[in-house]
PDB file of N, CA and C in Angstrom:
ATOM      1  N   MET A   1      84.989 -28.718 -55.954  1.00  0.00           N
ATOM      2  CA  MET A   1      83.564 -28.879 -55.290  1.00  0.00           C
ATOM      3  C   MET A   1      84.917 -28.452 -53.561  1.00  0.00           C
ATOM      4  N   ALA A   2      86.595 -29.181 -54.135  1.00  0.00           N
ATOM      5  CA  ALA A   2      86.990 -29.002 -52.777  1.00  0.00           C
ATOM      6  C   ALA A   2      87.040 -28.084 -52.518  1.00  0.00           C
ATOM      7  N   GLY A   3      87.284 -28.049 -50.628  1.00  0.00           N
ATOM      8  CA  GLY A   3      87.188 -26.147 -50.607  1.00  0.00           C
ATOM      9  C   GLY A   3      85.994 -25.125 -50.207  1.00  0.00           C
ATOM     10  N   ASN A   4      85.316 -25.420 -51.367  1.00  0.00           N
ATOM     11  CA  ASN A   4      84.028 -24.466 -51.277  1.00  0.00           C
ATOM     12  C   ASN A   4      83.013 -25.156 -50.321  1.00  0.00           C
ATOM     13  N   THR A   5      82.962 -24.134 -49.618  1.00  0.00           N
ATOM     14  CA  THR A   5      81.606 -23.979 -48.302  1.00  0.00           C
ATOM     15  C   THR A   5      80.682 -24.021 -48.511  1.00  0.00           C
ATOM     16  N   GLN A   6      80.037 -23.372 -49.878  1.00  0.00           N
ATOM     17  CA  GLN A   6      78.743 -22.251 -50.458  1.00  0.00           C
ATOM     18  C   GLN A   6      78.062 -23.306 -50.645  1.00  0.00           C
ATOM     19  N   ILE A   7      76.580 -23.151 -50.895  1.00  0.00           N
ATOM     20  CA  ILE A   7      76.067 -24.215 -51.151  1.00  0.00           C
ATOM     21  C   ILE A   7      75.365 -23.512 -52.095  1.00  0.00           C
ATOM     22  N   ASP A   8      74.893 -23.639 -52.968  1.00  0.00           N
ATOM     23  CA  ASP A   8      74.344 -23.462 -54.405  1.00  0.00           C
ATOM     24  C   ASP A   8      73.102 -23.734 -54.765  1.00  0.00           C
ATOM     25  N   PRO A   9      72.222 -22.735 -54.090  1.00  0.00           N
ATOM     26  CA  PRO A   9      70.609 -23.001 -53.943  1.00  0.00           C
ATOM     27  C   PRO A   9      69.617 -23.473 -54.792  1.00  0.00           C
ATOM     28  N   GLN A  10      70.590 -23.534 -56.393  1.00  0.00           N
ATOM     29  CA  GLN A  10      69.807 -23.842 -57.806  1.00  0.00           C
ATOM     30  C   GLN A  10      70.103 -25.498 -57.467  1.00  0.00           C
ATOM     31  N   THR A  11      71.253 -26.209 -57.246  1.00  0.00           N
ATOM     32  CA  THR A  11      71.365 -27.301 -57.226  1.00  0.00           C
ATOM     33  C   THR A  11      71.614 -28.321 -56.017  1.00  0.00           C
ATOM     34  N   GLU A  12      71.408 -27.404 -55.056  1.00  0.00           N
ATOM     35  CA  GLU A  12      71.628 -28.570 -53.392  1.00  0.00           C
ATOM     36  C   GLU A  12      71.137 -28.075 -52.546  1.00  0.00           C
ATOM     37  N   GLY A  13      69.958 -27.662 -53.010  1.00  0.00           N
ATOM     38  CA  GLY A  13      68.781 -26.821 -52.124  1.00  0.00           C
ATOM     39  C   GLY A  13      68.103 -27.743 -50.962  1.00  0.00           C
ATOM     40  N   GLY A  14      68.414 -28.721 -51.520  1.00  0.00           N
ATOM     41  CA  GLY A  14      67.979 -30.368 -50.744  1.00  0.00           C
ATOM     42  C   GLY A  14      66.612 -30.022 -49.540  1.00  0.00           C
ATOM     43  N   LEU A  15      66.537 -30.607 -48.649  1.00  0.00           N
ATOM     44  CA  LEU A  15      65.983 -30.311 -47.595  1.00  0.00           C
ATOM     45  C   LEU A  15      65.085 -29.368 -47.025  1.00  0.00           C
ATOM     46  N   PHE A  16      66.148 -27.862 -47.233  1.00  0.00           N
ATOM     47  CA  PHE A  16      65.257 -27.101 -46.687  1.00  0.00           C
ATOM     48  C   PHE A  16      65.355 -25.859 -48.215  1.00  0.00           C
ATOM     49  N   SER A  17      64.590 -26.691 -49.486  1.00  0.00           N
ATOM     50  CA  SER A  17      64.476 -25.480 -50.005  1.00  0.00           C
ATOM     51  C   SER A  17      63.118 -24.999 -50.082  1.00  0.00           C
ATOM     52  N   LEU A  18      62.666 -24.114 -50.637  1.00  0.00           N
ATOM     53  CA  LEU A  18      61.540 -23.450 -50.273  1.00  0.00           C
ATOM     54  C   LEU A  18      60.524 -24.119 -50.067  1.00  0.00           C
ATOM     55  N   LEU A  19      60.175 -25.347 -51.312  1.00  0.00           N
ATOM     56  CA  LEU A  19      58.920 -25.916 -52.494  1.00  0.00           C
ATOM     57  C   LEU A  19      58.920 -27.228 -50.997  1.00  0.00           C
ATOM     58  N   HIS A  20      60.456 -27.499 -50.668  1.00  0.00           N
ATOM     59  CA  HIS A  20      59.977 -28.476 -49.570  1.00  0.00           C
ATOM     60  C   HIS A  20      59.589 -28.034 -48.113  1.00  0.00           C
ATOM     61  N   GLY A  21      59.523 -26.613 -47.786  1.00  0.00           N
ATOM     62  CA  GLY A  21      59.529 -25.942 -46.776  1.00  0.00           C
ATOM     63  C   GLY A  21      57.757 -26.090 -47.110  1.00  0.00           C
ATOM     64  N   LEU A  22      56.971 -25.208 -48.297  1.00  0.00           N
ATOM     65  CA  LEU A  22      55.940 -24.858 -48.014  1.00  0.00           C
ATOM     66  C   LEU A  22      55.959 -26.422 -47.655  1.00  0.00           C
ATOM     67  N   THR A  23      55.842 -27.254 -48.646  1.00  0.00           N
ATOM     68  CA  THR A  23      54.765 -28.163 -48.600  1.00  0.00           C
ATOM     69  C   THR A  23      54.601 -29.215 -47.145  1.00  0.00           C
ATOM     70  N   GLY A  24      55.362 -29.185 -46.165  1.00  0.00           N
ATOM     71  CA  GLY A  24      56.138 -29.633 -44.935  1.00  0.00           C
ATOM     72  C   GLY A  24      54.618 -28.929 -43.904  1.00  0.00           C
ATOM     73  N   TYR A  25      54.839 -27.338 -44.236  1.00  0.00           N
ATOM     74  CA  TYR A  25      53.926 -26.344 -43.605  1.00  0.00           C
ATOM     75  C   TYR A  25      52.407 -26.577 -44.192  1.00  0.00           C
ATOM     76  N   ALA A  26      52.345 -26.924 -45.383  1.00  0.00           N
ATOM     77  CA  ALA A  26      50.764 -27.074 -45.922  1.00  0.00           C
ATOM     78  C   ALA A  26      50.168 -28.597 -45.072  1.00  0.00           C
ATOM     79  N   ILE A  27      51.456 -29.639 -45.152  1.00  0.00           N
ATOM     80  CA  ILE A  27      50.909 -30.714 -44.614  1.00  0.00           C
ATOM     81  C   ILE A  27      50.662 -30.956 -43.222  1.00  0.00           C
ATOM     82  N   ALA A  28      51.434 -30.269 -42.141  1.00  0.00           N
ATOM     83  CA  ALA A  28      51.043 -29.739 -40.499  1.00  0.00           C
ATOM     84  C   ALA A  28      49.539 -28.893 -40.440  1.00  0.00           C
ATOM     85  N   VAL A  29      49.852 -28.044 -41.281  1.00  0.00           N
ATOM     86  CA  VAL A  29      48.406 -27.243 -41.049  1.00  0.00           C
ATOM     87  C   VAL A  29      47.155 -28.068 -41.250  1.00  0.00           C
ATOM     88  N   VAL A  30      47.312 -29.180 -42.477  1.00  0.00           N
ATOM     89  CA  VAL A  30      45.889 -29.694 -42.785  1.00  0.00           C
ATOM     90  C   VAL A  30      45.404 -30.862 -41.683  1.00  0.00           C
ATOM     91  N   LEU A  31      46.763 -31.666 -41.628  1.00  0.00           N
ATOM     92  CA  LEU A  31      47.140 -32.399 -40.179  1.00  0.00           C
ATOM     93  C   LEU A  31      46.128 -31.715 -39.053  1.00  0.00           C
ATOM     94  N   LEU A  32      46.595 -30.398 -38.477  1.00  0.00           N
ATOM     95  CA  LEU A  32      46.230 -30.272 -37.452  1.00  0.00           C
ATOM     96  C   LEU A  32      44.344 -29.729 -37.532  1.00  0.00           C
ATOM     97  N   LEU A  33      44.298 -29.002 -38.871  1.00  0.00           N
ATOM     98  CA  LEU A  33      42.752 -28.577 -38.551  1.00  0.00           C
ATOM     99  C   LEU A  33      41.909 -29.769 -38.920  1.00  0.00           C
ATOM    100  N   SER A  34      42.330 -31.217 -39.606  1.00  0.00           N
ATOM    101  CA  SER A  34      41.367 -32.214 -39.597  1.00  0.00           C
ATOM    102  C   SER A  34      41.567 -33.128 -38.188  1.00  0.00           C
ATOM    103  N   ILE A  35      42.322 -32.540 -37.557  1.00  0.00           N
ATOM    104  CA  ILE A  35      42.336 -33.700 -35.717  1.00  0.00           C
ATOM    105  C   ILE A  35      41.391 -32.214 -35.367  1.00  0.00           C
ATOM    106  N   LEU A  36      41.865 -30.892 -35.849  1.00  0.00           N
ATOM    107  CA  LEU A  36      40.824 -29.962 -34.631  1.00  0.00           C
ATOM    108  C   LEU A  36      39.200 -29.809 -35.478  1.00  0.00           C
ATOM    109  N   VAL A  37      38.638 -30.933 -36.815  1.00  0.00           N
ATOM    110  CA  VAL A  37      37.662 -31.137 -37.224  1.00  0.00           C
ATOM    111  C   VAL A  37      37.426 -32.061 -36.159  1.00  0.00           C
ATOM    112  N   GLY A  38      37.763 -32.867 -35.852  1.00  0.00           N
ATOM    113  CA  GLY A  38      37.725 -34.750 -35.759  1.00  0.00           C
ATOM    114  C   GLY A  38      37.289 -34.177 -33.957  1.00  0.00           C
ATOM    115  N   LEU A  39      38.096 -33.672 -33.560  1.00  0.00           N
ATOM    116  CA  LEU A  39      37.393 -33.314 -31.775  1.00  0.00           C
ATOM    117  C   LEU A  39      36.465 -32.436 -32.186  1.00  0.00           C
ATOM    118  N   THR A  40      35.937 -31.875 -32.860  1.00  0.00           N
ATOM    119  CA  THR A  40      34.501 -30.480 -32.723  1.00  0.00           C
ATOM    120  C   THR A  40      33.791 -31.624 -33.160  1.00  0.00           C
ATOM    121  N   ILE A  41      33.420 -32.369 -33.875  1.00  0.00           N
ATOM    122  CA  ILE A  41      32.563 -33.162 -34.113  1.00  0.00           C
ATOM    123  C   ILE A  41      31.788 -34.518 -33.154  1.00  0.00           C
ATOM    124  N   GLY A  42      33.613 -34.871 -32.868  1.00  0.00           N
ATOM    125  CA  GLY A  42      32.994 -35.467 -31.619  1.00  0.00           C
ATOM    126  C   GLY A  42      32.726 -34.678 -30.185  1.00  0.00           C
ATOM    127  N   ALA A  43      32.619 -33.559 -30.300  1.00  0.00           N
ATOM    128  CA  ALA A  43      32.086 -33.134 -29.088  1.00  0.00           C
ATOM    129  C   ALA A  43      30.727 -32.939 -29.041  1.00  0.00           C
ATOM    130  N   ILE A  44      30.462 -32.422 -30.549  1.00  0.00           N
ATOM    131  CA  ILE A  44      29.313 -32.016 -30.507  1.00  0.00           C
ATOM    132  C   ILE A  44      27.930 -33.193 -30.451  1.00  0.00           C
ATOM    133  N   LYS A  45      28.599 -34.231 -31.494  1.00  0.00           N
ATOM    134  CA  LYS A  45      27.481 -35.506 -30.747  1.00  0.00           C
ATOM    135  C   LYS A  45      27.853 -35.645 -29.175  1.00  0.00           C
ATOM    136  N   VAL A  46      28.731 -35.545 -28.924  1.00  0.00           N
ATOM    137  CA  VAL A  46      28.751 -35.827 -27.029  1.00  0.00           C
ATOM    138  C   VAL A  46      27.624 -35.147 -26.533  1.00  0.00           C
ATOM    139  N   GLN A  47      28.093 -33.880 -26.786  1.00  0.00           N
ATOM    140  CA  GLN A  47      26.594 -32.557 -26.357  1.00  0.00           C
ATOM    141  C   GLN A  47      25.116 -33.249 -26.647  1.00  0.00           C
ATOM    142  N   SER A  48      24.787 -33.297 -27.750  1.00  0.00           N
ATOM    143  CA  SER A  48      23.460 -33.226 -28.482  1.00  0.00           C
ATOM    144  C   SER A  48      23.052 -34.704 -27.751  1.00  0.00           C
ATOM    145  N   GLU A  49      23.777 -35.641 -26.892  1.00  0.00           N
ATOM    146  CA  GLU A  49      23.547 -37.031 -26.544  1.00  0.00           C
ATOM    147  C   GLU A  49      23.343 -36.637 -25.196  1.00  0.00           C
ATOM    148  N   GLN A  50      23.782 -35.842 -24.557  1.00  0.00           N
ATOM    149  CA  GLN A  50      23.874 -35.547 -23.017  1.00  0.00           C
ATOM    150  C   GLN A  50      22.776 -34.708 -22.839  1.00  0.00           C
ATOM    151  N   ALA A  51      22.701 -33.789 -23.657  1.00  0.00           N
ATOM    152  CA  ALA A  51      21.507 -33.075 -23.542  1.00  0.00           C
ATOM    153  C   ALA A  51      20.231 -33.002 -23.567  1.00  0.00           C
ATOM    154  N   THR A  52      19.919 -34.272 -23.200  1.00  0.00           N
ATOM    155  CA  THR A  52      18.405 -34.919 -23.221  1.00  0.00           C
ATOM    156  C   THR A  52      18.975 -36.302 -22.078  1.00  0.00           C
ATOM    157  N   ASN A  53      19.524 -35.942 -21.351  1.00  0.00           N
ATOM    158  CA  ASN A  53      20.427 -36.832 -20.306  1.00  0.00           C
ATOM    159  C   ASN A  53      20.307 -36.408 -19.379  1.00  0.00           C
ATOM    160  N   PHE A  54      18.896 -36.166 -18.722  1.00  0.00           N
ATOM    161  CA  PHE A  54      18.304 -35.783 -17.458  1.00  0.00           C
ATOM    162  C   PHE A  54      18.629 -36.848 -16.897  1.00  0.00           C
ATOM    163  N   TYR A  55      18.908 -35.870 -15.048  1.00  0.00           N
ATOM    164  CA  TYR A  55      19.258 -37.177 -13.883  1.00  0.00           C
ATOM    165  C   TYR A  55      17.905 -36.426 -12.605  1.00  0.00           C
ATOM    166  N   SER A  56      18.108 -37.015 -12.024  1.00  0.00           N
ATOM    167  CA  SER A  56      16.673 -35.844 -10.853  1.00  0.00           C
ATOM    168  C   SER A  56      18.184 -36.032  -9.508  1.00  0.00           C
ATOM    169  N   ILE A  57      17.795 -35.410  -8.239  1.00  0.00           N
ATOM    170  CA  ILE A  57      18.647 -35.366  -7.495  1.00  0.00           C
ATOM    171  C   ILE A  57      17.845 -35.949  -6.422  1.00  0.00           C
ATOM    172  N   ASN A  58      18.689 -36.750  -5.671  1.00  0.00           N
ATOM    173  CA  ASN A  58      17.749 -36.595  -4.438  1.00  0.00           C
ATOM    174  C   ASN A  58      17.725 -35.861  -3.123  1.00  0.00           C
ATOM    175  N   GLN A  59      16.814 -35.592  -2.312  1.00  0.00           N
ATOM    176  CA  GLN A  59      16.618 -34.418  -1.444  1.00  0.00           C
ATOM    177  C   GLN A  59      17.556 -34.585  -0.616  1.00  0.00           C
ATOM    178  N   ASP A  60      17.523 -36.050  -0.496  1.00  0.00           N
ATOM    179  CA  ASP A  60      17.940 -36.023   1.510  1.00  0.00           C
ATOM    180  C   ASP A  60      19.332 -35.871   1.454  1.00  0.00           C
ATOM    181  N   LEU A  61      19.381 -34.826   2.484  1.00  0.00           N
ATOM    182  CA  LEU A  61      21.025 -34.196   2.259  1.00  0.00           C
ATOM    183  C   LEU A  61      21.813 -34.396   2.995  1.00  0.00           C
ATOM    184  N   ASP A  62      20.856 -35.481   4.315  1.00  0.00           N
ATOM    185  CA  ASP A  62      21.849 -36.640   5.111  1.00  0.00           C
ATOM    186  C   ASP A  62      22.756 -37.524   4.493  1.00  0.00           C
ATOM    187  N   GLY A  63      21.349 -37.666   3.868  1.00  0.00           N
ATOM    188  CA  GLY A  63      22.488 -38.731   2.970  1.00  0.00           C
ATOM    189  C   GLY A  63      24.030 -38.639   2.493  1.00  0.00           C
ATOM    190  N   LEU A  64      24.377 -37.499   1.929  1.00  0.00           N
ATOM    191  CA  LEU A  64      25.666 -37.336   1.935  1.00  0.00           C
ATOM    192  C   LEU A  64      26.891 -37.552   2.770  1.00  0.00           C
ATOM    193  N   LYS A  65      27.468 -37.628   2.939  1.00  0.00           N
ATOM    194  CA  LYS A  65      28.920 -37.790   3.201  1.00  0.00           C
ATOM    195  C   LYS A  65      29.924 -37.634   2.555  1.00  0.00           C
ATOM    196  N   PHE A  66      30.706 -36.739   3.570  1.00  0.00           N
ATOM    197  CA  PHE A  66      31.980 -36.402   3.123  1.00  0.00           C
ATOM    198  C   PHE A  66      32.820 -37.200   2.612  1.00  0.00           C
ATOM    199  N   ASN A  67      33.405 -37.578   1.367  1.00  0.00           N
ATOM    200  CA  ASN A  67      34.322 -38.123   0.933  1.00  0.00           C
ATOM    201  C   ASN A  67      33.919 -39.538   0.850  1.00  0.00           C
ATOM    202  N   SER A  68      33.062 -39.821   0.398  1.00  0.00           N
ATOM    203  CA  SER A  68      32.604 -41.031   0.573  1.00  0.00           C
ATOM    204  C   SER A  68      31.576 -41.814  -1.032  1.00  0.00           C
ATOM    205  N   SER A  69      32.132 -42.995  -0.300  1.00  0.00           N
ATOM    206  CA  SER A  69      31.946 -43.552  -2.475  1.00  0.00           C
ATOM    207  C   SER A  69      30.163 -44.091  -2.613  1.00  0.00           C
ATOM    208  N   GLU A  70      29.648 -43.977  -1.448  1.00  0.00           N
ATOM    209  CA  GLU A  70      28.016 -43.992  -1.464  1.00  0.00           C
ATOM    210  C   GLU A  70      27.302 -42.824  -1.802  1.00  0.00           C
ATOM    211  N   ASN A  71      28.397 -41.882  -2.196  1.00  0.00           N
ATOM    212  CA  ASN A  71      27.412 -40.628  -2.655  1.00  0.00           C
ATOM    213  C   ASN A  71      27.385 -40.274  -3.960  1.00  0.00           C
ATOM    214  N   HIS A  72      27.775 -41.618  -4.916  1.00  0.00           N
ATOM    215  CA  HIS A  72      27.103 -41.558  -6.394  1.00  0.00           C
ATOM    216  C   HIS A  72      25.928 -42.079  -6.275  1.00  0.00           C
ATOM    217  N   LYS A  73      25.026 -42.416  -5.280  1.00  0.00           N
ATOM    218  CA  LYS A  73      23.423 -42.717  -4.914  1.00  0.00           C
ATOM    219  C   LYS A  73      22.442 -41.936  -4.900  1.00  0.00           C
ATOM    220  N   GLN A  74      23.543 -41.033  -4.632  1.00  0.00           N
ATOM    221  CA  GLN A  74      22.111 -38.937  -4.322  1.00  0.00           C
ATOM    222  C   GLN A  74      21.667 -38.552  -6.193  1.00  0.00           C
ATOM    223  N   TRP A  75      22.292 -39.237  -7.256  1.00  0.00           N
ATOM    224  CA  TRP A  75      21.556 -38.773  -8.226  1.00  0.00           C
ATOM    225  C   TRP A  75      21.030 -39.727  -9.003  1.00  0.00           C
ATOM    226  N   ILE A  76      20.106 -39.266  -9.692  1.00  0.00           N
ATOM    227  CA  ILE A  76      19.171 -40.970 -10.284  1.00  0.00           C
ATOM    228  C   ILE A  76      19.240 -40.185 -11.505  1.00  0.00           C
ATOM    229  N   ASN A  77      19.633 -41.252 -13.021  1.00  0.00           N
ATOM    230  CA  ASN A  77      19.410 -41.099 -14.149  1.00  0.00           C
ATOM    231  C   ASN A  77      18.338 -41.388 -14.597  1.00  0.00           C
ATOM    232  N   GLU A  78      17.777 -40.304 -15.796  1.00  0.00           N
ATOM    233  CA  GLU A  78      16.217 -40.905 -15.846  1.00  0.00           C
ATOM    234  C   GLU A  78      16.004 -41.927 -16.955  1.00  0.00           C
ATOM    235  N   LYS A  79      16.977 -42.022 -17.757  1.00  0.00           N
ATOM    236  CA  LYS A  79      16.649 -43.064 -18.661  1.00  0.00           C
ATOM    237  C   LYS A  79      17.123 -44.157 -18.022  1.00  0.00           C
ATOM    238  N   ASP A  80      17.444 -44.532 -16.933  1.00  0.00           N
ATOM    239  CA  ASP A  80      17.224 -45.638 -16.400  1.00  0.00           C
ATOM    240  C   ASP A  80      16.010 -45.896 -15.675  1.00  0.00           C
ATOM    241  N   LYS A  81      15.032 -44.982 -15.160  1.00  0.00           N
ATOM    242  CA  LYS A  81      13.946 -45.474 -14.603  1.00  0.00           C
ATOM    243  C   LYS A  81      13.190 -46.292 -15.680  1.00  0.00           C
TER     244      LYS A  81
END
């Protein structure tokens, strides 16, 4: 093989062979789809929990102050009542 720079695809395909490429592609697709399914299930759970979590707003508009840390007191979570 001295001086021969050609790669024989039958014996020296190594990492770049067709089978290895398709396997890596399949693993990447399955991994990405499983991440997508996990995040989607988590989002649906959070949405269904928060859909019944109502809050009431204090109607005293004079209580609001621009850029104040006390503004969070203007709404009341109904589950905390």
